[in-house]
Structure formats: structure tokens, C-alpha cells
Amino acid sequence: MSGLPPARDVPAGGYRFLPGIAPFSSGVVAAAGHQIVHATLRAPIPWREGFTLVERHLGELNRPRAALCAIELRSPAPFSFGGFDEFNAGYQDLLADWRLLVDGENPIARTNVAPVVSPPPAPVLYAFSYTVPGAAPRPTFVVAGAGEMRARGVGVQGIVRHGETSPDAMREKAAHVMGIMGARLRGLDVDWPDVTTIDVYTAQPIEPFLIDAVLRPAGASAVHGVRWFPSRPPIAGLEYEMDLRGVARELSL
């Protein structure tokens, strides 16, 4: 058992989601007869314009708005807790306008980080995922980004080893986030061998902990290595974030 709420169906979208918090779900997995496709923008664009691009792309595939299941954003810098809430309010309003909420819950998985090098001047859309008909040979899914925040943690008091960036502290943060990733995989009824991409987001060196805290616990998926984005998580005070996916199709738009 993952310890998370059970996955819920999005019949119009062809996927199931793990309920998370108001700004995003914990992850999504394709429903029977569907698969999730991941698309990366060659040049990120302002996030609201990004939704227009998403709608156009889905329309070309004869897919509804509800097929959108995951979003990846890049921001200029980490938000304060209050600033993050303010940004999320506008983001959630757009999802509500698109009628993507399911009984008031947000089914869309999300990652939002701040690049260390060449950050955008305002939040931009970097990538997105959506469903199409036709099952893949293995389950397809996206696990939302998560930082080293303890369950039910509030403010900086909820951050693992807050204010510390020593190799030992970063190892503990990474191990904590790997635990979250594992729980979300189980909640989606998939496992580490199904993972095709492991993304790590931190401005700190990853070499001291990568093998023992990330790759060894990742088991068979460690053969793919990791993609390291020198970036900061979306909230000031967090130092480490990860997300995962398992897909058969990757696009560059």
C-alpha cells in the first residue's frame, strides 16, 4: 500500500490520478486502452500562452482538453510560501475555466522549478503530457514533482534538514524524496522497472549522494541514469526535487 488516497478516474481524459493538493495531483497513469505522451517545448513560452499551444496541439490530434494530464513549468526564482499560493490561485482558475477539475479536485500532475542558469523572466511552460488512444507495452505515467517537505509539514518547519546543504543533509533530503516517489509509484500501481526518466532538480552537487540515495533504490530503472537540471524547487527553503515518468513516446515541439 502507498498510504495515499486511491487513484481516481478521469473518464473524459483516459487516465487516472492520485489526489494531491489543490495546485496539482501527485501523479497520473493512463487508463486501459490509452497511453501518455510526453512533449517538450524547444523554446519555453509564457505559461498562459502555453495552454493555448497545448489546446492547439490536442486539437490537431482530435483530443479533448481533458486529455491534458501533466504540466512542467519553469519560474524565475523560488516563491515565498505566500507567493506560491498566489501563483497557484491563478493557475487553478485556468484549470477551472478549462473544466479540468474532477469534483473540485485537480487531476493535473505538475513540476515547477527555477533554473539556476538563464531563468525565464516570468513562469513559462517547459513541457506537458497528455493521453492518446492505444495502449503501450508497459504502463505509462507521470509522477509529479516533490521536494523534501514532510507529510503534513507546514512552512519551513516541514522541510527536511532546513537550511542545510552539506552532503549528509542532501543525502537525507534525496532519500526522503525517493520515499515519496516510491509511494506515488505504488499508488499508481506501477513500479521502478516501469520508469523511463528520472529527473533531479537541485542547485547543489549531486555526486555525493546520487548512487546510494537515488540510483540504487531505483533498481532496474537506474540503467537509464538521471537527468540533472541545476534548478531550485519552487518554494524558497527547499533544496531538492524529483519527478518521474514512464512513457513510450517523447516529442519535441
C-alpha atoms as a PDB file:
ATOM      1  CA  MET A   1       0.000   0.000   0.000  1.00  0.00           C
ATOM      2  CA  SER A   2       1.202   3.522  -0.801  1.00  0.00           C
ATOM      3  CA  GLY A   3      -0.518   5.254   2.109  1.00  0.00           C
ATOM      4  CA  LEU A   4      -2.001   7.707  -0.404  1.00  0.00           C
ATOM      5  CA  PRO A   5      -5.676   8.180  -1.344  1.00  0.00           C
ATOM      6  CA  PRO A   6      -6.776   5.758  -4.088  1.00  0.00           C
ATOM      7  CA  ALA A   7      -6.387   6.818  -7.710  1.00  0.00           C
ATOM      8  CA  ARG A   8      -9.464   8.360  -9.313  1.00  0.00           C
ATOM      9  CA  ASP A   9     -10.694   8.096 -12.884  1.00  0.00           C
ATOM     10  CA  VAL A  10     -10.814  10.927 -15.406  1.00  0.00           C
ATOM     11  CA  PRO A  11     -13.070   9.204 -17.950  1.00  0.00           C
ATOM     12  CA  ALA A  12     -13.016  12.102 -20.418  1.00  0.00           C
ATOM     13  CA  GLY A  13      -9.220  12.157 -20.315  1.00  0.00           C
ATOM     14  CA  GLY A  14      -8.347   8.480 -20.477  1.00  0.00           C
ATOM     15  CA  TYR A  15      -6.300   8.432 -17.286  1.00  0.00           C
ATOM     16  CA  ARG A  16      -6.403   8.072 -13.517  1.00  0.00           C
ATOM     17  CA  PHE A  17      -4.861  10.450 -10.983  1.00  0.00           C
ATOM     18  CA  LEU A  18      -3.584  10.294  -7.441  1.00  0.00           C
ATOM     19  CA  PRO A  19      -5.247  13.092  -5.456  1.00  0.00           C
ATOM     20  CA  GLY A  20      -2.672  15.524  -4.121  1.00  0.00           C
ATOM     21  CA  ILE A  21      -3.123  19.133  -3.068  1.00  0.00           C
ATOM     22  CA  ALA A  22      -5.082  21.974  -4.642  1.00  0.00           C
ATOM     23  CA  PRO A  23      -2.349  23.120  -7.109  1.00  0.00           C
ATOM     24  CA  PHE A  24      -1.613  19.644  -8.510  1.00  0.00           C
ATOM     25  CA  SER A  25      -2.168  15.913  -8.217  1.00  0.00           C
ATOM     26  CA  SER A  26       0.533  13.508  -7.061  1.00  0.00           C
ATOM     27  CA  GLY A  27       0.655  11.665 -10.371  1.00  0.00           C
ATOM     28  CA  VAL A  28      -1.261  10.248 -13.321  1.00  0.00           C
ATOM     29  CA  VAL A  29      -1.389   6.918 -15.146  1.00  0.00           C
ATOM     30  CA  ALA A  30      -3.012   6.062 -18.459  1.00  0.00           C
ATOM     31  CA  ALA A  31      -6.299   4.162 -18.341  1.00  0.00           C
ATOM     32  CA  ALA A  32      -6.817   0.917 -20.228  1.00  0.00           C
ATOM     33  CA  GLY A  33      -6.626   1.422 -23.970  1.00  0.00           C
ATOM     34  CA  HIS A  34      -4.663   4.675 -23.679  1.00  0.00           C
ATOM     35  CA  GLN A  35      -1.095   5.838 -23.236  1.00  0.00           C
ATOM     36  CA  ILE A  36       0.549   9.035 -22.035  1.00  0.00           C
ATOM     37  CA  VAL A  37       2.742  11.004 -24.443  1.00  0.00           C
ATOM     38  CA  HIS A  38       5.340  13.496 -23.162  1.00  0.00           C
ATOM     39  CA  ALA A  39       6.062  16.657 -25.175  1.00  0.00           C
ATOM     40  CA  THR A  40       8.891  19.136 -24.510  1.00  0.00           C
ATOM     41  CA  LEU A  41       8.940  22.649 -25.969  1.00  0.00           C
ATOM     42  CA  ARG A  42      12.177  23.511 -27.774  1.00  0.00           C
ATOM     43  CA  ALA A  43      11.684  27.094 -26.581  1.00  0.00           C
ATOM     44  CA  PRO A  44       9.519  27.560 -23.460  1.00  0.00           C
ATOM     45  CA  ILE A  45       6.788  30.216 -23.688  1.00  0.00           C
ATOM     46  CA  PRO A  46       4.754  32.137 -21.067  1.00  0.00           C
ATOM     47  CA  TRP A  47       2.624  29.574 -19.309  1.00  0.00           C
ATOM     48  CA  ARG A  48      -0.758  31.027 -20.243  1.00  0.00           C
ATOM     49  CA  GLU A  49       0.272  31.085 -23.904  1.00  0.00           C
ATOM     50  CA  GLY A  50       1.481  27.552 -23.302  1.00  0.00           C
ATOM     51  CA  PHE A  51      -2.051  26.427 -22.591  1.00  0.00           C
ATOM     52  CA  THR A  52      -3.095  27.865 -25.945  1.00  0.00           C
ATOM     53  CA  LEU A  53      -0.334  25.811 -27.583  1.00  0.00           C
ATOM     54  CA  VAL A  54      -1.500  22.721 -25.675  1.00  0.00           C
ATOM     55  CA  GLU A  55      -5.076  23.214 -26.854  1.00  0.00           C
ATOM     56  CA  ARG A  56      -3.944  23.641 -30.451  1.00  0.00           C
ATOM     57  CA  HIS A  57      -1.773  20.519 -30.279  1.00  0.00           C
ATOM     58  CA  LEU A  58      -4.563  18.449 -28.745  1.00  0.00           C
ATOM     59  CA  GLY A  59      -6.990  19.741 -31.370  1.00  0.00           C
ATOM     60  CA  GLU A  60      -4.684  18.587 -34.165  1.00  0.00           C
ATOM     61  CA  LEU A  61      -4.867  15.108 -32.615  1.00  0.00           C
ATOM     62  CA  ASN A  62      -8.640  15.273 -32.115  1.00  0.00           C
ATOM     63  CA  ARG A  63      -8.087  15.031 -28.373  1.00  0.00           C
ATOM     64  CA  PRO A  64     -10.145  16.995 -25.833  1.00  0.00           C
ATOM     65  CA  ARG A  65      -8.772  19.412 -23.259  1.00  0.00           C
ATOM     66  CA  ALA A  66      -9.365  16.669 -20.698  1.00  0.00           C
ATOM     67  CA  ALA A  67      -6.524  14.637 -22.282  1.00  0.00           C
ATOM     68  CA  LEU A  68      -4.003  17.043 -20.712  1.00  0.00           C
ATOM     69  CA  CYS A  69      -2.676  15.263 -17.624  1.00  0.00           C
ATOM     70  CA  ALA A  70       0.659  16.837 -16.616  1.00  0.00           C
ATOM     71  CA  ILE A  71       2.394  20.218 -16.832  1.00  0.00           C
ATOM     72  CA  GLU A  72       6.042  21.246 -16.332  1.00  0.00           C
ATOM     73  CA  LEU A  73       6.802  24.891 -15.592  1.00  0.00           C
ATOM     74  CA  ARG A  74       9.979  26.927 -15.169  1.00  0.00           C
ATOM     75  CA  SER A  75       9.964  30.019 -12.952  1.00  0.00           C
ATOM     76  CA  PRO A  76      12.348  32.971 -12.491  1.00  0.00           C
ATOM     77  CA  ALA A  77      13.143  32.164  -8.846  1.00  0.00           C
ATOM     78  CA  PRO A  78      11.702  30.241  -5.900  1.00  0.00           C
ATOM     79  CA  PHE A  79       8.488  31.693  -4.496  1.00  0.00           C
ATOM     80  CA  SER A  80       7.768  32.505  -0.889  1.00  0.00           C
ATOM     81  CA  PHE A  81       5.058  30.283   0.562  1.00  0.00           C
ATOM     82  CA  GLY A  82       2.618  33.173   0.096  1.00  0.00           C
ATOM     83  CA  GLY A  83       3.827  33.936  -3.415  1.00  0.00           C
ATOM     84  CA  PHE A  84       3.425  30.294  -4.369  1.00  0.00           C
ATOM     85  CA  ASP A  85      -0.164  30.333  -3.132  1.00  0.00           C
ATOM     86  CA  GLU A  86      -0.836  33.484  -5.177  1.00  0.00           C
ATOM     87  CA  PHE A  87       0.579  31.953  -8.365  1.00  0.00           C
ATOM     88  CA  ASN A  88      -1.334  28.737  -7.796  1.00  0.00           C
ATOM     89  CA  ALA A  89      -4.619  30.619  -7.438  1.00  0.00           C
ATOM     90  CA  GLY A  90      -4.326  31.945 -10.994  1.00  0.00           C
ATOM     91  CA  TYR A  91      -3.197  28.563 -12.281  1.00  0.00           C
ATOM     92  CA  GLN A  92      -6.129  26.787 -10.657  1.00  0.00           C
ATOM     93  CA  ASP A  93      -8.544  29.365 -12.068  1.00  0.00           C
ATOM     94  CA  LEU A  94      -7.341  28.497 -15.570  1.00  0.00           C
ATOM     95  CA  LEU A  95      -7.804  24.780 -14.939  1.00  0.00           C
ATOM     96  CA  ALA A  96     -11.298  25.501 -13.658  1.00  0.00           C
ATOM     97  CA  ASP A  97     -12.044  27.555 -16.801  1.00  0.00           C
ATOM     98  CA  TRP A  98     -10.932  24.556 -18.859  1.00  0.00           C
ATOM     99  CA  ARG A  99     -13.285  22.380 -16.749  1.00  0.00           C
ATOM    100  CA  LEU A 100     -10.465  20.014 -15.872  1.00  0.00           C
ATOM    101  CA  LEU A 101     -11.243  19.674 -12.171  1.00  0.00           C
ATOM    102  CA  VAL A 102     -12.834  16.412 -11.050  1.00  0.00           C
ATOM    103  CA  ASP A 103     -15.404  17.012  -8.315  1.00  0.00           C
ATOM    104  CA  GLY A 104     -13.333  20.013  -7.285  1.00  0.00           C
ATOM    105  CA  GLU A 105     -10.031  18.087  -7.243  1.00  0.00           C
ATOM    106  CA  ASN A 106      -7.125  18.957  -9.514  1.00  0.00           C
ATOM    107  CA  PRO A 107      -6.116  15.867 -11.553  1.00  0.00           C
ATOM    108  CA  ILE A 108      -3.161  17.500 -13.357  1.00  0.00           C
ATOM    109  CA  ALA A 109       0.321  16.459 -12.198  1.00  0.00           C
ATOM    110  CA  ARG A 110       2.892  19.271 -12.146  1.00  0.00           C
ATOM    111  CA  THR A 111       6.539  20.157 -11.721  1.00  0.00           C
ATOM    112  CA  ASN A 112       7.598  23.786 -11.269  1.00  0.00           C
ATOM    113  CA  VAL A 113      11.263  24.661 -10.719  1.00  0.00           C
ATOM    114  CA  ALA A 114      13.573  27.669 -11.078  1.00  0.00           C
ATOM    115  CA  PRO A 115      16.632  27.147 -13.330  1.00  0.00           C
ATOM    116  CA  VAL A 116      19.984  28.311 -11.968  1.00  0.00           C
ATOM    117  CA  VAL A 117      21.225  29.321 -15.439  1.00  0.00           C
ATOM    118  CA  SER A 118      19.173  31.534 -17.780  1.00  0.00           C
ATOM    119  CA  PRO A 119      15.985  31.576 -15.726  1.00  0.00           C
ATOM    120  CA  PRO A 120      12.929  32.933 -17.543  1.00  0.00           C
ATOM    121  CA  PRO A 121      11.682  36.453 -16.723  1.00  0.00           C
ATOM    122  CA  ALA A 122       8.268  35.019 -15.803  1.00  0.00           C
ATOM    123  CA  PRO A 123       6.840  31.498 -15.369  1.00  0.00           C
ATOM    124  CA  VAL A 124       6.883  29.535 -18.635  1.00  0.00           C
ATOM    125  CA  LEU A 125       5.622  26.226 -19.957  1.00  0.00           C
ATOM    126  CA  TYR A 126       8.530  23.813 -20.478  1.00  0.00           C
ATOM    127  CA  ALA A 127       6.727  20.519 -21.183  1.00  0.00           C
ATOM    128  CA  PHE A 128       3.388  18.767 -20.894  1.00  0.00           C
ATOM    129  CA  SER A 129       1.888  15.279 -21.088  1.00  0.00           C
ATOM    130  CA  TYR A 130      -1.389  14.059 -22.497  1.00  0.00           C
ATOM    131  CA  THR A 131      -3.217  10.867 -23.353  1.00  0.00           C
ATOM    132  CA  VAL A 132      -3.917   9.294 -26.728  1.00  0.00           C
ATOM    133  CA  PRO A 133      -5.811   6.116 -27.630  1.00  0.00           C
ATOM    134  CA  GLY A 134      -3.747   2.970 -27.963  1.00  0.00           C
ATOM    135  CA  ALA A 135      -2.099   1.132 -25.095  1.00  0.00           C
ATOM    136  CA  ALA A 136       1.693   0.935 -24.786  1.00  0.00           C
ATOM    137  CA  PRO A 137       3.503  -2.348 -23.980  1.00  0.00           C
ATOM    138  CA  ARG A 138       4.048  -1.161 -20.389  1.00  0.00           C
ATOM    139  CA  PRO A 139       2.087   1.241 -18.177  1.00  0.00           C
ATOM    140  CA  THR A 140       2.589   4.926 -18.975  1.00  0.00           C
ATOM    141  CA  PHE A 141       2.512   7.513 -16.222  1.00  0.00           C
ATOM    142  CA  VAL A 142       3.884  10.747 -14.774  1.00  0.00           C
ATOM    143  CA  VAL A 143       4.794  11.254 -11.114  1.00  0.00           C
ATOM    144  CA  ALA A 144       4.513  14.901 -10.073  1.00  0.00           C
ATOM    145  CA  GLY A 145       7.488  16.807  -8.710  1.00  0.00           C
ATOM    146  CA  ALA A 146       8.096  16.647  -4.966  1.00  0.00           C
ATOM    147  CA  GLY A 147      10.602  18.341  -2.693  1.00  0.00           C
ATOM    148  CA  GLU A 148      11.885  17.454   0.752  1.00  0.00           C
ATOM    149  CA  MET A 149       8.735  18.510   2.593  1.00  0.00           C
ATOM    150  CA  ARG A 150       7.455  16.162   5.288  1.00  0.00           C
ATOM    151  CA  ALA A 151       3.897  14.891   5.046  1.00  0.00           C
ATOM    152  CA  ARG A 152       1.545  17.418   6.615  1.00  0.00           C
ATOM    153  CA  GLY A 153       4.537  19.725   7.158  1.00  0.00           C
ATOM    154  CA  VAL A 154       3.779  23.426   7.443  1.00  0.00           C
ATOM    155  CA  GLY A 155       6.189  26.178   6.449  1.00  0.00           C
ATOM    156  CA  VAL A 156       9.919  25.858   6.909  1.00  0.00           C
ATOM    157  CA  GLN A 157       9.355  23.586   9.910  1.00  0.00           C
ATOM    158  CA  GLY A 158       8.191  20.896   7.491  1.00  0.00           C
ATOM    159  CA  ILE A 159      11.379  20.950   5.395  1.00  0.00           C
ATOM    160  CA  VAL A 160      13.837  18.091   5.962  1.00  0.00           C
ATOM    161  CA  ARG A 161      17.164  19.487   7.254  1.00  0.00           C
ATOM    162  CA  HIS A 162      16.006  23.044   6.568  1.00  0.00           C
ATOM    163  CA  GLY A 163      18.846  25.477   5.898  1.00  0.00           C
ATOM    164  CA  GLU A 164      21.423  22.701   5.420  1.00  0.00           C
ATOM    165  CA  THR A 165      23.181  21.794   2.183  1.00  0.00           C
ATOM    166  CA  SER A 166      26.038  19.579   3.398  1.00  0.00           C
ATOM    167  CA  PRO A 167      26.499  16.266   1.557  1.00  0.00           C
ATOM    168  CA  ASP A 168      24.931  14.463   4.513  1.00  0.00           C
ATOM    169  CA  ALA A 169      21.914  16.794   4.533  1.00  0.00           C
ATOM    170  CA  MET A 170      21.442  16.484   0.780  1.00  0.00           C
ATOM    171  CA  ARG A 171      21.633  12.698   1.049  1.00  0.00           C
ATOM    172  CA  GLU A 172      18.869  12.756   3.651  1.00  0.00           C
ATOM    173  CA  LYS A 173      16.752  15.099   1.550  1.00  0.00           C
ATOM    174  CA  ALA A 174      17.199  12.886  -1.526  1.00  0.00           C
ATOM    175  CA  ALA A 175      16.333   9.746   0.429  1.00  0.00           C
ATOM    176  CA  HIS A 176      13.184  11.416   1.761  1.00  0.00           C
ATOM    177  CA  VAL A 177      12.066  12.415  -1.738  1.00  0.00           C
ATOM    178  CA  MET A 178      12.819   8.931  -3.076  1.00  0.00           C
ATOM    179  CA  GLY A 179      10.421   7.619  -0.447  1.00  0.00           C
ATOM    180  CA  ILE A 180       7.746   9.959  -1.794  1.00  0.00           C
ATOM    181  CA  MET A 181       8.453   8.849  -5.351  1.00  0.00           C
ATOM    182  CA  GLY A 182       8.153   5.189  -4.382  1.00  0.00           C
ATOM    183  CA  ALA A 183       4.855   5.752  -2.598  1.00  0.00           C
ATOM    184  CA  ARG A 184       3.427   7.567  -5.615  1.00  0.00           C
ATOM    185  CA  LEU A 185       4.532   4.787  -7.963  1.00  0.00           C
ATOM    186  CA  ARG A 186       2.739   2.249  -5.779  1.00  0.00           C
ATOM    187  CA  GLY A 187      -0.321   4.496  -5.673  1.00  0.00           C
ATOM    188  CA  LEU A 188      -0.393   4.453  -9.477  1.00  0.00           C
ATOM    189  CA  ASP A 189       0.024   0.653  -9.459  1.00  0.00           C
ATOM    190  CA  VAL A 190       3.380   0.833 -11.255  1.00  0.00           C
ATOM    191  CA  ASP A 191       6.947   0.205 -10.064  1.00  0.00           C
ATOM    192  CA  TRP A 192      10.529   1.341 -10.591  1.00  0.00           C
ATOM    193  CA  PRO A 193      11.190  -1.008 -13.554  1.00  0.00           C
ATOM    194  CA  ASP A 194       8.417   0.878 -15.416  1.00  0.00           C
ATOM    195  CA  VAL A 195      10.237   4.237 -15.065  1.00  0.00           C
ATOM    196  CA  THR A 196      11.922   5.568 -18.203  1.00  0.00           C
ATOM    197  CA  THR A 197      13.044   9.004 -16.936  1.00  0.00           C
ATOM    198  CA  ILE A 198      14.246  10.195 -13.523  1.00  0.00           C
ATOM    199  CA  ASP A 199      14.577  13.972 -13.225  1.00  0.00           C
ATOM    200  CA  VAL A 200      16.570  15.577 -10.396  1.00  0.00           C
ATOM    201  CA  TYR A 201      16.282  19.297  -9.643  1.00  0.00           C
ATOM    202  CA  THR A 202      18.785  20.896  -7.296  1.00  0.00           C
ATOM    203  CA  ALA A 203      21.401  23.638  -7.325  1.00  0.00           C
ATOM    204  CA  GLN A 204      23.636  21.503  -5.085  1.00  0.00           C
ATOM    205  CA  PRO A 205      26.196  18.891  -6.251  1.00  0.00           C
ATOM    206  CA  ILE A 206      24.555  15.504  -6.736  1.00  0.00           C
ATOM    207  CA  GLU A 207      27.647  13.282  -6.937  1.00  0.00           C
ATOM    208  CA  PRO A 208      27.967  12.677  -3.165  1.00  0.00           C
ATOM    209  CA  PHE A 209      24.536  11.027  -2.870  1.00  0.00           C
ATOM    210  CA  LEU A 210      23.350  10.093  -6.357  1.00  0.00           C
ATOM    211  CA  ILE A 211      24.434   6.448  -6.448  1.00  0.00           C
ATOM    212  CA  ASP A 212      23.455   5.406  -2.920  1.00  0.00           C
ATOM    213  CA  ALA A 213      20.373   7.572  -2.348  1.00  0.00           C
ATOM    214  CA  VAL A 214      18.846   7.592  -5.837  1.00  0.00           C
ATOM    215  CA  LEU A 215      20.194   5.063  -8.341  1.00  0.00           C
ATOM    216  CA  ARG A 216      20.499   2.009  -6.089  1.00  0.00           C
ATOM    217  CA  PRO A 217      16.961   2.404  -4.685  1.00  0.00           C
ATOM    218  CA  ALA A 218      15.684   2.963  -8.238  1.00  0.00           C
ATOM    219  CA  GLY A 219      16.647  -0.612  -9.093  1.00  0.00           C
ATOM    220  CA  ALA A 220      16.215  -1.598 -12.739  1.00  0.00           C
ATOM    221  CA  SER A 221      15.392   1.946 -13.870  1.00  0.00           C
ATOM    222  CA  ALA A 222      18.871   3.080 -12.796  1.00  0.00           C
ATOM    223  CA  VAL A 223      20.089   1.785 -16.159  1.00  0.00           C
ATOM    224  CA  HIS A 224      18.641   4.995 -17.658  1.00  0.00           C
ATOM    225  CA  GLY A 225      20.639   7.207 -15.287  1.00  0.00           C
ATOM    226  CA  VAL A 226      19.162  10.568 -14.281  1.00  0.00           C
ATOM    227  CA  ARG A 227      18.654  13.942 -15.908  1.00  0.00           C
ATOM    228  CA  TRP A 228      20.033  16.641 -13.615  1.00  0.00           C
ATOM    229  CA  PHE A 229      18.537  20.098 -14.028  1.00  0.00           C
ATOM    230  CA  PRO A 230      20.567  22.598 -11.963  1.00  0.00           C
ATOM    231  CA  SER A 231      17.454  24.260 -10.571  1.00  0.00           C
ATOM    232  CA  ARG A 232      15.805  25.206  -7.326  1.00  0.00           C
ATOM    233  CA  PRO A 233      12.445  23.869  -6.175  1.00  0.00           C
ATOM    234  CA  PRO A 234       9.534  26.313  -6.414  1.00  0.00           C
ATOM    235  CA  ILE A 235       9.474  27.366  -2.749  1.00  0.00           C
ATOM    236  CA  ALA A 236      12.355  29.184  -1.032  1.00  0.00           C
ATOM    237  CA  GLY A 237      13.968  26.935   1.572  1.00  0.00           C
ATOM    238  CA  LEU A 238      13.640  23.712  -0.404  1.00  0.00           C
ATOM    239  CA  GLU A 239      16.850  22.397  -1.968  1.00  0.00           C
ATOM    240  CA  TYR A 240      15.899  19.187  -3.768  1.00  0.00           C
ATOM    241  CA  GLU A 241      13.103  17.988  -6.041  1.00  0.00           C
ATOM    242  CA  MET A 242      12.434  14.988  -8.268  1.00  0.00           C
ATOM    243  CA  ASP A 243       9.854  13.767 -10.721  1.00  0.00           C
ATOM    244  CA  LEU A 244       9.488  10.557 -12.738  1.00  0.00           C
ATOM    245  CA  ARG A 245       7.755   9.247 -15.781  1.00  0.00           C
ATOM    246  CA  GLY A 246       7.349   6.081 -17.780  1.00  0.00           C
ATOM    247  CA  VAL A 247       6.378   6.686 -21.405  1.00  0.00           C
ATOM    248  CA  ALA A 248       6.834   5.076 -24.795  1.00  0.00           C
ATOM    249  CA  ARG A 249       6.607   8.310 -26.806  1.00  0.00           C
ATOM    250  CA  GLU A 250       8.592  11.526 -26.337  1.00  0.00           C
ATOM    251  CA  LEU A 251       8.035  14.546 -28.597  1.00  0.00           C
ATOM    252  CA  SER A 252       9.871  17.822 -29.117  1.00  0.00           C
ATOM    253  CA  LEU A 253       7.631  20.692 -30.248  1.00  0.00           C
END
